[in-house]
C-alpha atoms as a PDB file:
ATOM      1  CA  MET A   1     -73.928 -22.200 -73.622  1.00  0.00           C
ATOM      2  CA  SER A   2     -70.525 -24.654 -73.707  1.00  0.00           C
ATOM      3  CA  GLU A   3     -68.950 -25.343 -76.530  1.00  0.00           C
ATOM      4  CA  ILE A   4     -67.791 -28.949 -77.661  1.00  0.00           C
ATOM      5  CA  HIS A   5     -66.230 -30.710 -80.580  1.00  0.00           C
ATOM      6  CA  PRO A   6     -68.428 -32.905 -82.360  1.00  0.00           C
ATOM      7  CA  SER A   7     -66.079 -35.313 -81.884  1.00  0.00           C
ATOM      8  CA  ALA A   8     -65.899 -35.399 -78.461  1.00  0.00           C
ATOM      9  CA  LEU A   9     -67.578 -38.165 -76.493  1.00  0.00           C
ATOM     10  CA  ILE A  10     -69.289 -37.094 -73.592  1.00  0.00           C
ATOM     11  CA  GLU A  11     -70.882 -40.130 -71.534  1.00  0.00           C
ATOM     12  CA  PRO A  12     -74.629 -39.510 -70.076  1.00  0.00           C
ATOM     13  CA  GLY A  13     -74.705 -38.385 -66.414  1.00  0.00           C
ATOM     14  CA  ALA A  14     -71.747 -35.975 -67.343  1.00  0.00           C
ATOM     15  CA  ARG A  15     -72.092 -32.755 -66.007  1.00  0.00           C
ATOM     16  CA  ILE A  16     -70.587 -29.600 -67.839  1.00  0.00           C
ATOM     17  CA  GLY A  17     -70.887 -26.342 -66.424  1.00  0.00           C
ATOM     18  CA  GLU A  18     -71.221 -23.038 -68.387  1.00  0.00           C
ATOM     19  CA  GLY A  19     -69.180 -21.967 -70.732  1.00  0.00           C
ATOM     20  CA  CYS A  20     -66.864 -25.033 -70.809  1.00  0.00           C
ATOM     21  CA  ARG A  21     -64.811 -25.501 -74.193  1.00  0.00           C
ATOM     22  CA  ILE A  22     -64.509 -29.330 -74.997  1.00  0.00           C
ATOM     23  CA  GLY A  23     -61.917 -29.797 -77.869  1.00  0.00           C
ATOM     24  CA  PRO A  24     -61.602 -32.710 -80.540  1.00  0.00           C
ATOM     25  CA  PHE A  25     -61.362 -36.157 -79.286  1.00  0.00           C
ATOM     26  CA  CYS A  26     -61.753 -35.390 -75.807  1.00  0.00           C
ATOM     27  CA  VAL A  27     -63.639 -38.315 -73.560  1.00  0.00           C
ATOM     28  CA  VAL A  28     -65.600 -36.936 -70.150  1.00  0.00           C
ATOM     29  CA  GLY A  29     -67.084 -39.551 -68.181  1.00  0.00           C
ATOM     30  CA  PRO A  30     -70.164 -40.546 -66.845  1.00  0.00           C
ATOM     31  CA  GLN A  31     -69.354 -39.447 -63.314  1.00  0.00           C
ATOM     32  CA  VAL A  32     -67.603 -36.288 -64.078  1.00  0.00           C
ATOM     33  CA  VAL A  33     -68.385 -32.896 -63.051  1.00  0.00           C
ATOM     34  CA  LEU A  34     -66.873 -29.855 -65.053  1.00  0.00           C
ATOM     35  CA  GLY A  35     -67.150 -26.543 -63.362  1.00  0.00           C
ATOM     36  CA  ASP A  36     -67.536 -23.391 -65.294  1.00  0.00           C
ATOM     37  CA  ARG A  37     -65.475 -22.287 -68.063  1.00  0.00           C
ATOM     38  CA  VAL A  38     -63.295 -25.532 -68.077  1.00  0.00           C
ATOM     39  CA  GLU A  39     -61.440 -26.074 -70.878  1.00  0.00           C
ATOM     40  CA  LEU A  40     -60.146 -29.513 -72.512  1.00  0.00           C
ATOM     41  CA  ARG A  41     -57.901 -28.611 -75.597  1.00  0.00           C
ATOM     42  CA  SER A  42     -57.696 -32.131 -77.426  1.00  0.00           C
ATOM     43  CA  HIS A  43     -57.645 -35.422 -77.011  1.00  0.00           C
ATOM     44  CA  VAL A  44     -57.804 -35.389 -73.134  1.00  0.00           C
ATOM     45  CA  VAL A  45     -59.625 -38.434 -70.784  1.00  0.00           C
ATOM     46  CA  VAL A  46     -61.627 -37.240 -67.921  1.00  0.00           C
ATOM     47  CA  THR A  47     -62.812 -40.155 -66.143  1.00  0.00           C
ATOM     48  CA  GLY A  48     -64.196 -41.771 -62.661  1.00  0.00           C
ATOM     49  CA  GLN A  49     -65.531 -39.859 -60.262  1.00  0.00           C
ATOM     50  CA  THR A  50     -63.837 -36.511 -60.872  1.00  0.00           C
ATOM     51  CA  GLU A  51     -64.640 -33.069 -60.185  1.00  0.00           C
ATOM     52  CA  VAL A  52     -62.740 -30.366 -62.005  1.00  0.00           C
ATOM     53  CA  GLY A  53     -63.047 -26.577 -60.446  1.00  0.00           C
ATOM     54  CA  GLU A  54     -63.641 -23.673 -62.815  1.00  0.00           C
ATOM     55  CA  ASP A  55     -61.345 -21.570 -64.974  1.00  0.00           C
ATOM     56  CA  THR A  56     -58.956 -24.908 -65.329  1.00  0.00           C
ATOM     57  CA  VAL A  57     -57.485 -25.595 -68.364  1.00  0.00           C
ATOM     58  CA  ILE A  58     -56.018 -29.316 -69.635  1.00  0.00           C
ATOM     59  CA  PHE A  59     -54.041 -29.771 -72.339  1.00  0.00           C
ATOM     60  CA  PRO A  60     -53.646 -32.460 -74.753  1.00  0.00           C
ATOM     61  CA  PHE A  61     -53.458 -35.990 -74.149  1.00  0.00           C
ATOM     62  CA  ALA A  62     -53.593 -35.528 -70.149  1.00  0.00           C
ATOM     63  CA  VAL A  63     -55.621 -38.785 -68.679  1.00  0.00           C
ATOM     64  CA  ILE A  64     -57.313 -37.251 -65.528  1.00  0.00           C
ATOM     65  CA  GLY A  65     -59.259 -39.579 -62.713  1.00  0.00           C
ATOM     66  CA  GLU A  66     -58.215 -43.036 -63.751  1.00  0.00           C
ATOM     67  CA  ILE A  67     -58.080 -45.871 -61.405  1.00  0.00           C
ATOM     68  CA  PRO A  68     -55.241 -45.891 -58.750  1.00  0.00           C
ATOM     69  CA  GLN A  69     -51.749 -47.956 -59.809  1.00  0.00           C
ATOM     70  CA  ASP A  70     -51.761 -49.585 -57.038  1.00  0.00           C
ATOM     71  CA  LEU A  71     -52.461 -53.445 -56.500  1.00  0.00           C
ATOM     72  CA  LYS A  72     -54.587 -53.422 -53.632  1.00  0.00           C
ATOM     73  CA  PHE A  73     -57.310 -51.473 -55.332  1.00  0.00           C
ATOM     74  CA  ARG A  74     -60.275 -53.426 -56.045  1.00  0.00           C
ATOM     75  CA  GLY A  75     -62.483 -50.997 -57.718  1.00  0.00           C
ATOM     76  CA  GLU A  76     -63.675 -49.312 -54.830  1.00  0.00           C
ATOM     77  CA  ASN A  77     -65.808 -46.244 -55.099  1.00  0.00           C
ATOM     78  CA  THR A  78     -63.192 -43.222 -54.744  1.00  0.00           C
ATOM     79  CA  GLN A  79     -62.743 -39.766 -56.101  1.00  0.00           C
ATOM     80  CA  LEU A  80     -60.378 -37.129 -57.531  1.00  0.00           C
ATOM     81  CA  VAL A  81     -61.165 -33.222 -56.668  1.00  0.00           C
ATOM     82  CA  ILE A  82     -59.409 -30.866 -58.507  1.00  0.00           C
ATOM     83  CA  GLY A  83     -59.552 -26.985 -57.337  1.00  0.00           C
ATOM     84  CA  ALA A  84     -59.994 -23.864 -59.816  1.00  0.00           C
ATOM     85  CA  ARG A  85     -57.730 -22.386 -61.963  1.00  0.00           C
ATOM     86  CA  ASN A  86     -55.602 -25.139 -62.504  1.00  0.00           C
ATOM     87  CA  ARG A  87     -53.104 -25.487 -65.544  1.00  0.00           C
ATOM     88  CA  ILE A  88     -52.498 -29.162 -66.298  1.00  0.00           C
ATOM     89  CA  ARG A  89     -50.560 -29.896 -68.938  1.00  0.00           C
ATOM     90  CA  GLU A  90     -49.705 -32.413 -72.089  1.00  0.00           C
ATOM     91  CA  HIS A  91     -49.784 -36.134 -70.641  1.00  0.00           C
ATOM     92  CA  VAL A  92     -50.366 -35.348 -67.060  1.00  0.00           C
ATOM     93  CA  THR A  93     -51.536 -38.024 -65.036  1.00  0.00           C
ATOM     94  CA  MET A  94     -53.768 -38.022 -61.810  1.00  0.00           C
ATOM     95  CA  ASN A  95     -55.394 -40.961 -60.311  1.00  0.00           C
ATOM     96  CA  SER A  96     -58.545 -41.174 -58.199  1.00  0.00           C
ATOM     97  CA  GLY A  97     -57.998 -42.525 -54.545  1.00  0.00           C
ATOM     98  CA  THR A  98     -58.109 -45.476 -52.488  1.00  0.00           C
ATOM     99  CA  GLU A  99     -59.852 -47.072 -49.757  1.00  0.00           C
ATOM    100  CA  GLY A 100     -57.257 -47.274 -47.665  1.00  0.00           C
ATOM    101  CA  GLY A 101     -56.029 -44.097 -48.096  1.00  0.00           C
ATOM    102  CA  GLY A 102     -58.958 -42.024 -47.467  1.00  0.00           C
ATOM    103  CA  GLY A 103     -60.812 -42.262 -50.623  1.00  0.00           C
ATOM    104  CA  ILE A 104     -59.712 -39.055 -52.150  1.00  0.00           C
ATOM    105  CA  THR A 105     -57.435 -37.401 -53.926  1.00  0.00           C
ATOM    106  CA  ARG A 106     -57.219 -33.628 -53.806  1.00  0.00           C
ATOM    107  CA  VAL A 107     -55.703 -31.074 -55.897  1.00  0.00           C
ATOM    108  CA  GLY A 108     -56.365 -27.315 -54.605  1.00  0.00           C
ATOM    109  CA  ASP A 109     -56.213 -24.082 -56.518  1.00  0.00           C
ATOM    110  CA  ASP A 110     -54.231 -22.268 -58.791  1.00  0.00           C
ATOM    111  CA  GLY A 111     -51.533 -24.989 -59.504  1.00  0.00           C
ATOM    112  CA  LEU A 112     -49.078 -25.791 -62.449  1.00  0.00           C
ATOM    113  CA  PHE A 113     -48.596 -29.296 -63.609  1.00  0.00           C
ATOM    114  CA  MET A 114     -46.360 -29.438 -66.165  1.00  0.00           C
ATOM    115  CA  ALA A 115     -46.223 -31.917 -69.049  1.00  0.00           C
ATOM    116  CA  GLY A 116     -45.727 -35.646 -67.937  1.00  0.00           C
ATOM    117  CA  CYS A 117     -45.790 -35.204 -64.141  1.00  0.00           C
ATOM    118  CA  HIS A 118     -47.502 -37.871 -62.322  1.00  0.00           C
ATOM    119  CA  ILE A 119     -50.282 -37.536 -59.138  1.00  0.00           C
ATOM    120  CA  ALA A 120     -50.951 -40.933 -57.780  1.00  0.00           C
ATOM    121  CA  HIS A 121     -53.646 -42.056 -55.186  1.00  0.00           C
ATOM    122  CA  ASP A 122     -54.632 -40.247 -52.221  1.00  0.00           C
ATOM    123  CA  ALA A 123     -52.057 -37.406 -52.787  1.00  0.00           C
ATOM    124  CA  GLN A 124     -53.536 -33.982 -50.891  1.00  0.00           C
ATOM    125  CA  ILE A 125     -52.103 -31.243 -52.952  1.00  0.00           C
ATOM    126  CA  GLY A 126     -52.385 -27.625 -51.704  1.00  0.00           C
ATOM    127  CA  ASP A 127     -52.685 -24.316 -53.507  1.00  0.00           C
ATOM    128  CA  ARG A 128     -50.210 -22.733 -56.134  1.00  0.00           C
ATOM    129  CA  VAL A 129     -48.490 -26.011 -56.314  1.00  0.00           C
ATOM    130  CA  ILE A 130     -46.104 -26.560 -59.310  1.00  0.00           C
ATOM    131  CA  VAL A 131     -44.833 -29.915 -60.218  1.00  0.00           C
ATOM    132  CA  VAL A 132     -42.445 -29.621 -63.032  1.00  0.00           C
ATOM    133  CA  ASN A 133     -41.773 -31.921 -66.102  1.00  0.00           C
ATOM    134  CA  ALA A 134     -41.710 -35.499 -65.515  1.00  0.00           C
ATOM    135  CA  ALA A 135     -41.578 -35.557 -61.826  1.00  0.00           C
ATOM    136  CA  ALA A 136     -43.868 -38.016 -59.730  1.00  0.00           C
ATOM    137  CA  ILE A 137     -45.795 -37.820 -56.424  1.00  0.00           C
ATOM    138  CA  ALA A 138     -46.519 -41.001 -55.051  1.00  0.00           C
ATOM    139  CA  GLY A 139     -49.453 -42.071 -53.342  1.00  0.00           C
ATOM    140  CA  HIS A 140     -50.668 -40.655 -50.284  1.00  0.00           C
ATOM    141  CA  CYS A 141     -47.715 -37.596 -50.206  1.00  0.00           C
ATOM    142  CA  VAL A 142     -49.073 -34.159 -49.078  1.00  0.00           C
ATOM    143  CA  LEU A 143     -47.798 -30.958 -50.469  1.00  0.00           C
ATOM    144  CA  GLU A 144     -48.514 -28.121 -48.827  1.00  0.00           C
ATOM    145  CA  ASP A 145     -49.585 -24.628 -50.074  1.00  0.00           C
ATOM    146  CA  ASP A 146     -46.469 -23.104 -52.763  1.00  0.00           C
ATOM    147  CA  VAL A 147     -44.628 -26.066 -52.947  1.00  0.00           C
ATOM    148  CA  ILE A 148     -42.468 -26.450 -56.186  1.00  0.00           C
ATOM    149  CA  VAL A 149     -41.308 -30.066 -57.261  1.00  0.00           C
ATOM    150  CA  GLY A 150     -38.669 -29.635 -59.998  1.00  0.00           C
ATOM    151  CA  GLY A 151     -38.446 -31.782 -63.140  1.00  0.00           C
ATOM    152  CA  LEU A 152     -37.812 -35.470 -63.188  1.00  0.00           C
ATOM    153  CA  SER A 153     -37.778 -35.335 -59.439  1.00  0.00           C
ATOM    154  CA  GLY A 154     -39.614 -38.235 -57.297  1.00  0.00           C
ATOM    155  CA  VAL A 155     -41.458 -37.907 -54.160  1.00  0.00           C
ATOM    156  CA  HIS A 156     -41.605 -40.882 -51.836  1.00  0.00           C
ATOM    157  CA  GLN A 157     -45.191 -42.330 -50.851  1.00  0.00           C
ATOM    158  CA  TRP A 158     -46.275 -41.169 -47.491  1.00  0.00           C
ATOM    159  CA  VAL A 159     -43.776 -37.866 -47.673  1.00  0.00           C
ATOM    160  CA  ARG A 160     -45.181 -34.470 -46.489  1.00  0.00           C
ATOM    161  CA  ILE A 161     -43.519 -31.675 -48.102  1.00  0.00           C
ATOM    162  CA  GLY A 162     -43.903 -28.339 -46.033  1.00  0.00           C
ATOM    163  CA  LYS A 163     -45.649 -24.987 -47.089  1.00  0.00           C
ATOM    164  CA  GLY A 164     -43.021 -22.886 -49.354  1.00  0.00           C
ATOM    165  CA  ALA A 165     -40.818 -25.766 -49.841  1.00  0.00           C
ATOM    166  CA  ILE A 166     -38.686 -26.452 -53.080  1.00  0.00           C
ATOM    167  CA  ILE A 167     -37.510 -29.714 -54.387  1.00  0.00           C
ATOM    168  CA  GLY A 168     -34.528 -28.953 -57.050  1.00  0.00           C
ATOM    169  CA  ALA A 169     -34.626 -31.131 -60.337  1.00  0.00           C
ATOM    170  CA  VAL A 170     -33.629 -35.034 -60.567  1.00  0.00           C
ATOM    171  CA  THR A 171     -33.924 -35.059 -56.683  1.00  0.00           C
ATOM    172  CA  MET A 172     -35.163 -38.323 -55.088  1.00  0.00           C
ATOM    173  CA  VAL A 173     -37.116 -37.263 -51.683  1.00  0.00           C
ATOM    174  CA  THR A 174     -38.398 -39.870 -49.184  1.00  0.00           C
ATOM    175  CA  ASN A 175     -38.137 -38.076 -46.252  1.00  0.00           C
ATOM    176  CA  ASP A 176     -40.627 -35.128 -44.564  1.00  0.00           C
ATOM    177  CA  VAL A 177     -39.396 -31.778 -45.755  1.00  0.00           C
ATOM    178  CA  ILE A 178     -39.721 -28.895 -43.306  1.00  0.00           C
ATOM    179  CA  PRO A 179     -41.531 -25.953 -44.221  1.00  0.00           C
ATOM    180  CA  TYR A 180     -39.754 -23.375 -46.524  1.00  0.00           C
ATOM    181  CA  GLY A 181     -36.870 -25.874 -46.884  1.00  0.00           C
ATOM    182  CA  LEU A 182     -34.667 -25.814 -50.065  1.00  0.00           C
ATOM    183  CA  VAL A 183     -34.150 -29.680 -51.070  1.00  0.00           C
ATOM    184  CA  GLN A 184     -31.232 -30.913 -53.700  1.00  0.00           C
ATOM    185  CA  ALA A 185     -28.928 -33.379 -54.555  1.00  0.00           C
ATOM    186  CA  PRO A 186     -29.700 -36.833 -56.406  1.00  0.00           C
ATOM    187  CA  ARG A 187     -31.116 -38.377 -52.725  1.00  0.00           C
ATOM    188  CA  GLY A 188     -32.427 -35.172 -51.314  1.00  0.00           C
ATOM    189  CA  GLU A 189     -30.326 -33.130 -48.653  1.00  0.00           C
ATOM    190  CA  LEU A 190     -31.735 -30.084 -47.128  1.00  0.00           C
ATOM    191  CA  HIS A 191     -29.499 -27.054 -47.906  1.00  0.00           C
ATOM    192  CA  GLY A 192     -31.154 -24.438 -46.660  1.00  0.00           C
ATOM    193  CA  LEU A 193     -34.139 -22.154 -47.072  1.00  0.00           C
ATOM    194  CA  ASN A 194     -36.115 -21.542 -50.100  1.00  0.00           C
ATOM    195  CA  LEU A 195     -35.476 -17.562 -49.786  1.00  0.00           C
ATOM    196  CA  VAL A 196     -36.035 -17.019 -53.525  1.00  0.00           C
ATOM    197  CA  GLY A 197     -39.360 -18.154 -52.905  1.00  0.00           C
ATOM    198  CA  LEU A 198     -40.111 -16.507 -49.766  1.00  0.00           C
ATOM    199  CA  LYS A 199     -38.834 -13.033 -50.868  1.00  0.00           C
ATOM    200  CA  ARG A 200     -40.838 -13.690 -54.268  1.00  0.00           C
ATOM    201  CA  ARG A 201     -44.289 -13.454 -51.670  1.00  0.00           C
ATOM    202  CA  GLY A 202     -43.430 -10.679 -49.822  1.00  0.00           C
ATOM    203  CA  VAL A 203     -42.442 -12.427 -47.062  1.00  0.00           C
ATOM    204  CA  PRO A 204     -41.522  -9.550 -44.418  1.00  0.00           C
ATOM    205  CA  ARG A 205     -37.322  -9.415 -43.721  1.00  0.00           C
ATOM    206  CA  GLU A 206     -37.901  -9.628 -39.951  1.00  0.00           C
ATOM    207  CA  GLU A 207     -39.709 -13.034 -40.846  1.00  0.00           C
ATOM    208  CA  ILE A 208     -37.222 -14.317 -43.089  1.00  0.00           C
ATOM    209  CA  SER A 209     -34.316 -13.422 -40.645  1.00  0.00           C
ATOM    210  CA  ALA A 210     -36.240 -15.534 -38.230  1.00  0.00           C
ATOM    211  CA  LEU A 211     -36.399 -18.685 -40.209  1.00  0.00           C
ATOM    212  CA  ARG A 212     -32.873 -18.132 -40.948  1.00  0.00           C
ATOM    213  CA  ALA A 213     -31.977 -18.396 -37.151  1.00  0.00           C
ATOM    214  CA  ALA A 214     -34.118 -20.847 -36.920  1.00  0.00           C
ATOM    215  CA  PHE A 215     -32.410 -23.489 -39.328  1.00  0.00           C
ATOM    216  CA  ARG A 216     -29.032 -22.263 -37.756  1.00  0.00           C
ATOM    217  CA  SER A 217     -30.520 -23.516 -34.698  1.00  0.00           C
ATOM    218  CA  LEU A 218     -31.815 -26.760 -35.850  1.00  0.00           C
ATOM    219  CA  ALA A 219     -28.652 -27.619 -37.996  1.00  0.00           C
ATOM    220  CA  GLU A 220     -25.982 -26.704 -35.227  1.00  0.00           C
ATOM    221  CA  GLY A 221     -28.143 -27.156 -31.474  1.00  0.00           C
ATOM    222  CA  GLU A 222     -27.507 -29.790 -28.962  1.00  0.00           C
ATOM    223  CA  GLY A 223     -29.854 -32.553 -28.747  1.00  0.00           C
ATOM    224  CA  THR A 224     -31.934 -35.007 -31.177  1.00  0.00           C
ATOM    225  CA  PHE A 225     -33.633 -32.939 -34.317  1.00  0.00           C
ATOM    226  CA  SER A 226     -36.897 -33.307 -32.477  1.00  0.00           C
ATOM    227  CA  ASP A 227     -35.644 -32.029 -29.079  1.00  0.00           C
ATOM    228  CA  ARG A 228     -34.132 -29.080 -31.082  1.00  0.00           C
ATOM    229  CA  VAL A 229     -37.882 -28.282 -33.019  1.00  0.00           C
ATOM    230  CA  ARG A 230     -39.556 -28.208 -29.292  1.00  0.00           C
ATOM    231  CA  GLU A 231     -37.157 -25.511 -27.730  1.00  0.00           C
ATOM    232  CA  LEU A 232     -37.185 -23.673 -31.035  1.00  0.00           C
ATOM    233  CA  GLY A 233     -41.007 -23.690 -30.577  1.00  0.00           C
ATOM    234  CA  GLU A 234     -40.694 -22.578 -26.962  1.00  0.00           C
ATOM    235  CA  GLN A 235     -38.542 -19.739 -28.121  1.00  0.00           C
ATOM    236  CA  THR A 236     -40.380 -17.915 -31.026  1.00  0.00           C
ATOM    237  CA  ASP A 237     -42.931 -15.803 -31.634  1.00  0.00           C
ATOM    238  CA  SER A 238     -42.316 -15.939 -35.531  1.00  0.00           C
ATOM    239  CA  THR A 239     -45.578 -16.871 -37.425  1.00  0.00           C
ATOM    240  CA  HIS A 240     -43.395 -18.790 -40.045  1.00  0.00           C
ATOM    241  CA  VAL A 241     -41.294 -20.642 -37.408  1.00  0.00           C
ATOM    242  CA  ARG A 242     -43.991 -21.405 -35.718  1.00  0.00           C
ATOM    243  CA  GLU A 243     -45.674 -22.895 -39.161  1.00  0.00           C
ATOM    244  CA  LEU A 244     -42.311 -24.957 -39.188  1.00  0.00           C
ATOM    245  CA  VAL A 245     -42.408 -26.089 -35.637  1.00  0.00           C
ATOM    246  CA  ASP A 246     -46.040 -27.305 -36.011  1.00  0.00           C
ATOM    247  CA  PHE A 247     -45.037 -29.193 -39.138  1.00  0.00           C
ATOM    248  CA  VAL A 248     -42.364 -31.335 -37.557  1.00  0.00           C
ATOM    249  CA  LEU A 249     -44.447 -32.131 -34.480  1.00  0.00           C
ATOM    250  CA  GLY A 250     -47.463 -33.139 -36.531  1.00  0.00           C
ATOM    251  CA  ASP A 251     -48.371 -36.669 -37.266  1.00  0.00           C
ATOM    252  CA  THR A 252     -46.209 -38.669 -39.781  1.00  0.00           C
ATOM    253  CA  ASP A 253     -44.748 -42.076 -39.888  1.00  0.00           C
ATOM    254  CA  ARG A 254     -41.602 -40.930 -41.600  1.00  0.00           C
ATOM    255  CA  SER A 255     -38.462 -39.104 -40.430  1.00  0.00           C
ATOM    256  CA  PHE A 256     -37.155 -35.992 -41.344  1.00  0.00           C
ATOM    257  CA  LEU A 257     -34.552 -34.104 -44.115  1.00  0.00           C
ATOM    258  CA  THR A 258     -32.278 -32.545 -41.522  1.00  0.00           C
ATOM    259  CA  PRO A 259     -29.949 -29.691 -41.956  1.00  0.00           C
ATOM    260  CA  GLY A 260     -26.205 -30.538 -42.155  1.00  0.00           C
ATOM    261  CA  ARG A 261     -23.866 -29.436 -39.243  1.00  0.00           C
END
C-alpha cells in the first residue's frame, strides 16, 4: 500500500503507515513510526524513537530524530513526536529529547519548518508554527500555537514564546515573549503586538482593541511588570488578554521582554 524506492533503506522494526511514499536514498530507523500518507522526498534520514504524523512531508536532506546536541546526553531512551500535516523542508534538523528535559521533543500539527532550521532537544512546539529558514530553536523552548520565528533568528534555551507571537528576522530572543507580541531588533525587543497575525486569524476587533489597551497599560502603568500584569488580570474580561496574563504568571525561570515606555 506504500511506495518505497528500491534505494531506500527501511530497517527491520520500522512501522510504515498506509499510502506512504519513501523516495530515493532515504533511511528509516528500526524504532520509527510513520503515519499514513507520510512522504519522504529523497535523502531523508528519520531515526531514533521517532513518530511522524499523517500527511507530513519531509524534503531532501532533512535529519529527523537524531540524538541531542547536548554533552549531558548519555544514550538514554528518549523520543521525538511530530504531529500531522507538517511541512519539513530541506536540511531541517529535529532532535529527540533528553532525560533531564522530560525525555521528549514534541512538534504539533500543521507546522512549516523552512530550509535549514533547527528544533533542539526537549522543545515543545505547538500547532501552526512557522520557523523560517536557518532559525534555531534551542533546547527546552516552548513555542505555543501560531508562533512565527523569522529567518536567521535564535531562541535561547528555556525561553517560552506565547501564542500568536511573531519574531522578526535576525533576532536573538533571550527572554520569554508574551502572547501576540511582536519582537524584533538584533537583541530582541518587544515592539508591539502581532496585529497582522491577529487580523489574519479573524480575531474580533473588540479583542484586538482590548489587547492594544492591555499592551499600553503594561508599558505605561505603575509598579513592576508582574504587578501590572496582575492588575490587568483583575480588570479584564477579554479572552485574549486573559491568555496573556496567564502566560506571564505561569511557571518560568526567565524574565520577560517588556514593552518600552
